[in-house]
Amino acid sequence: MNAKNLFGVVLLLLLSLSSREGIMDMVMARSCEAASATFRGPCLVDRDCQIICMNEGFSDGDCQGFLRRCFCKKPCT
């Protein structure tokens, strides 16, 4: 493998690890996630989702995915 190929592989590896799911999951404690049971409509503002999730007993929440659904999070026990 020449230097150009090696550089490309290392760069691709770093980019894949720098994604939110890559590094954040390795650094943070494991969290459990579930779609909100009460949030209705498209999730456009993370703070609105977070408030709904806290009312459902979760510690956090944010809008995710192409369909912009509200997902609630809490530390796994």
C-alpha atoms as a PDB file:
ATOM      1  CA  MET A   1       0.000   0.000   0.000  1.00  0.00           C
ATOM      2  CA  ASN A   2       1.520   3.316  -1.032  1.00  0.00           C
ATOM      3  CA  ALA A   3       1.469   6.553   0.967  1.00  0.00           C
ATOM      4  CA  LYS A   4      -1.496   8.043  -0.938  1.00  0.00           C
ATOM      5  CA  ASN A   5      -3.683   4.999  -0.264  1.00  0.00           C
ATOM      6  CA  LEU A   6      -2.674   4.897   3.395  1.00  0.00           C
ATOM      7  CA  PHE A   7      -3.443   8.605   3.801  1.00  0.00           C
ATOM      8  CA  GLY A   8      -6.866   8.083   2.219  1.00  0.00           C
ATOM      9  CA  VAL A   9      -7.681   5.185   4.536  1.00  0.00           C
ATOM     10  CA  VAL A  10      -6.599   7.133   7.628  1.00  0.00           C
ATOM     11  CA  LEU A  11      -8.596  10.187   6.524  1.00  0.00           C
ATOM     12  CA  LEU A  12     -11.698   8.080   5.925  1.00  0.00           C
ATOM     13  CA  LEU A  13     -11.300   6.455   9.343  1.00  0.00           C
ATOM     14  CA  LEU A  14     -10.969   9.835  11.070  1.00  0.00           C
ATOM     15  CA  LEU A  15     -14.041  11.187   9.287  1.00  0.00           C
ATOM     16  CA  SER A  16     -16.117   8.197  10.274  1.00  0.00           C
ATOM     17  CA  LEU A  17     -14.996   8.479  13.906  1.00  0.00           C
ATOM     18  CA  SER A  18     -15.687  12.197  14.045  1.00  0.00           C
ATOM     19  CA  SER A  19     -19.382  11.750  13.366  1.00  0.00           C
ATOM     20  CA  ARG A  20     -21.730  12.459  16.271  1.00  0.00           C
ATOM     21  CA  GLU A  21     -22.528   8.791  16.794  1.00  0.00           C
ATOM     22  CA  GLY A  22     -18.876   7.745  16.581  1.00  0.00           C
ATOM     23  CA  ILE A  23     -16.995   9.877  19.069  1.00  0.00           C
ATOM     24  CA  MET A  24     -19.905  10.899  21.292  1.00  0.00           C
ATOM     25  CA  ASP A  25     -20.912   7.299  21.939  1.00  0.00           C
ATOM     26  CA  MET A  26     -17.343   6.387  22.839  1.00  0.00           C
ATOM     27  CA  VAL A  27     -16.872   9.375  25.172  1.00  0.00           C
ATOM     28  CA  MET A  28     -20.278   9.534  26.848  1.00  0.00           C
ATOM     29  CA  ALA A  29     -21.850   6.903  29.039  1.00  0.00           C
ATOM     30  CA  ARG A  30     -24.275   4.648  27.228  1.00  0.00           C
ATOM     31  CA  SER A  31     -27.723   6.191  26.847  1.00  0.00           C
ATOM     32  CA  CYS A  32     -31.051   4.602  26.044  1.00  0.00           C
ATOM     33  CA  GLU A  33     -33.279   6.199  23.452  1.00  0.00           C
ATOM     34  CA  ALA A  34     -36.973   5.911  22.576  1.00  0.00           C
ATOM     35  CA  ALA A  35     -39.392   7.795  20.353  1.00  0.00           C
ATOM     36  CA  SER A  36     -41.570  10.200  22.330  1.00  0.00           C
ATOM     37  CA  ALA A  37     -44.989   8.812  23.158  1.00  0.00           C
ATOM     38  CA  THR A  38     -46.702  12.214  23.337  1.00  0.00           C
ATOM     39  CA  PHE A  39     -44.921  14.502  20.835  1.00  0.00           C
ATOM     40  CA  ARG A  40     -47.133  15.126  17.790  1.00  0.00           C
ATOM     41  CA  GLY A  41     -46.209  16.419  14.357  1.00  0.00           C
ATOM     42  CA  PRO A  42     -42.764  17.080  12.897  1.00  0.00           C
ATOM     43  CA  CYS A  43     -40.055  17.912  15.419  1.00  0.00           C
ATOM     44  CA  LEU A  44     -38.556  21.232  14.363  1.00  0.00           C
ATOM     45  CA  VAL A  45     -37.126  22.633  17.624  1.00  0.00           C
ATOM     46  CA  ASP A  46     -34.911  20.458  19.836  1.00  0.00           C
ATOM     47  CA  ARG A  47     -35.878  22.417  22.962  1.00  0.00           C
ATOM     48  CA  ASP A  48     -39.593  21.603  22.469  1.00  0.00           C
ATOM     49  CA  CYS A  49     -38.726  17.926  22.167  1.00  0.00           C
ATOM     50  CA  GLN A  50     -36.499  18.117  25.254  1.00  0.00           C
ATOM     51  CA  ILE A  51     -39.315  19.607  27.359  1.00  0.00           C
ATOM     52  CA  ILE A  52     -41.783  16.923  26.242  1.00  0.00           C
ATOM     53  CA  CYS A  53     -39.227  14.197  26.992  1.00  0.00           C
ATOM     54  CA  MET A  54     -38.554  15.564  30.473  1.00  0.00           C
ATOM     55  CA  ASN A  55     -42.305  15.454  31.130  1.00  0.00           C
ATOM     56  CA  GLU A  56     -42.199  11.784  30.071  1.00  0.00           C
ATOM     57  CA  GLY A  57     -39.460  11.060  32.634  1.00  0.00           C
ATOM     58  CA  PHE A  58     -36.413  11.227  30.345  1.00  0.00           C
ATOM     59  CA  SER A  59     -33.374  13.417  30.916  1.00  0.00           C
ATOM     60  CA  ASP A  60     -33.029  14.766  27.368  1.00  0.00           C
ATOM     61  CA  GLY A  61     -34.513  14.710  23.891  1.00  0.00           C
ATOM     62  CA  ASP A  62     -33.858  15.946  20.363  1.00  0.00           C
ATOM     63  CA  CYS A  63     -35.235  15.929  16.844  1.00  0.00           C
ATOM     64  CA  GLN A  64     -33.763  13.234  14.623  1.00  0.00           C
ATOM     65  CA  GLY A  65     -33.992  11.701  11.198  1.00  0.00           C
ATOM     66  CA  PHE A  66     -35.417  12.623   7.839  1.00  0.00           C
ATOM     67  CA  LEU A  67     -38.980  12.612   9.206  1.00  0.00           C
ATOM     68  CA  ARG A  68     -37.898  14.837  12.147  1.00  0.00           C
ATOM     69  CA  ARG A  69     -39.230  12.742  15.000  1.00  0.00           C
ATOM     70  CA  CYS A  70     -38.706  13.522  18.690  1.00  0.00           C
ATOM     71  CA  PHE A  71     -36.481  10.970  20.435  1.00  0.00           C
ATOM     72  CA  CYS A  72     -36.084  10.924  24.204  1.00  0.00           C
ATOM     73  CA  LYS A  73     -32.886   9.870  25.980  1.00  0.00           C
ATOM     74  CA  LYS A  74     -31.820   8.786  29.448  1.00  0.00           C
ATOM     75  CA  PRO A  75     -28.844   6.917  30.912  1.00  0.00           C
ATOM     76  CA  CYS A  76     -29.267   3.155  30.603  1.00  0.00           C
ATOM     77  CA  THR A  77     -29.624   1.325  33.898  1.00  0.00           C
END
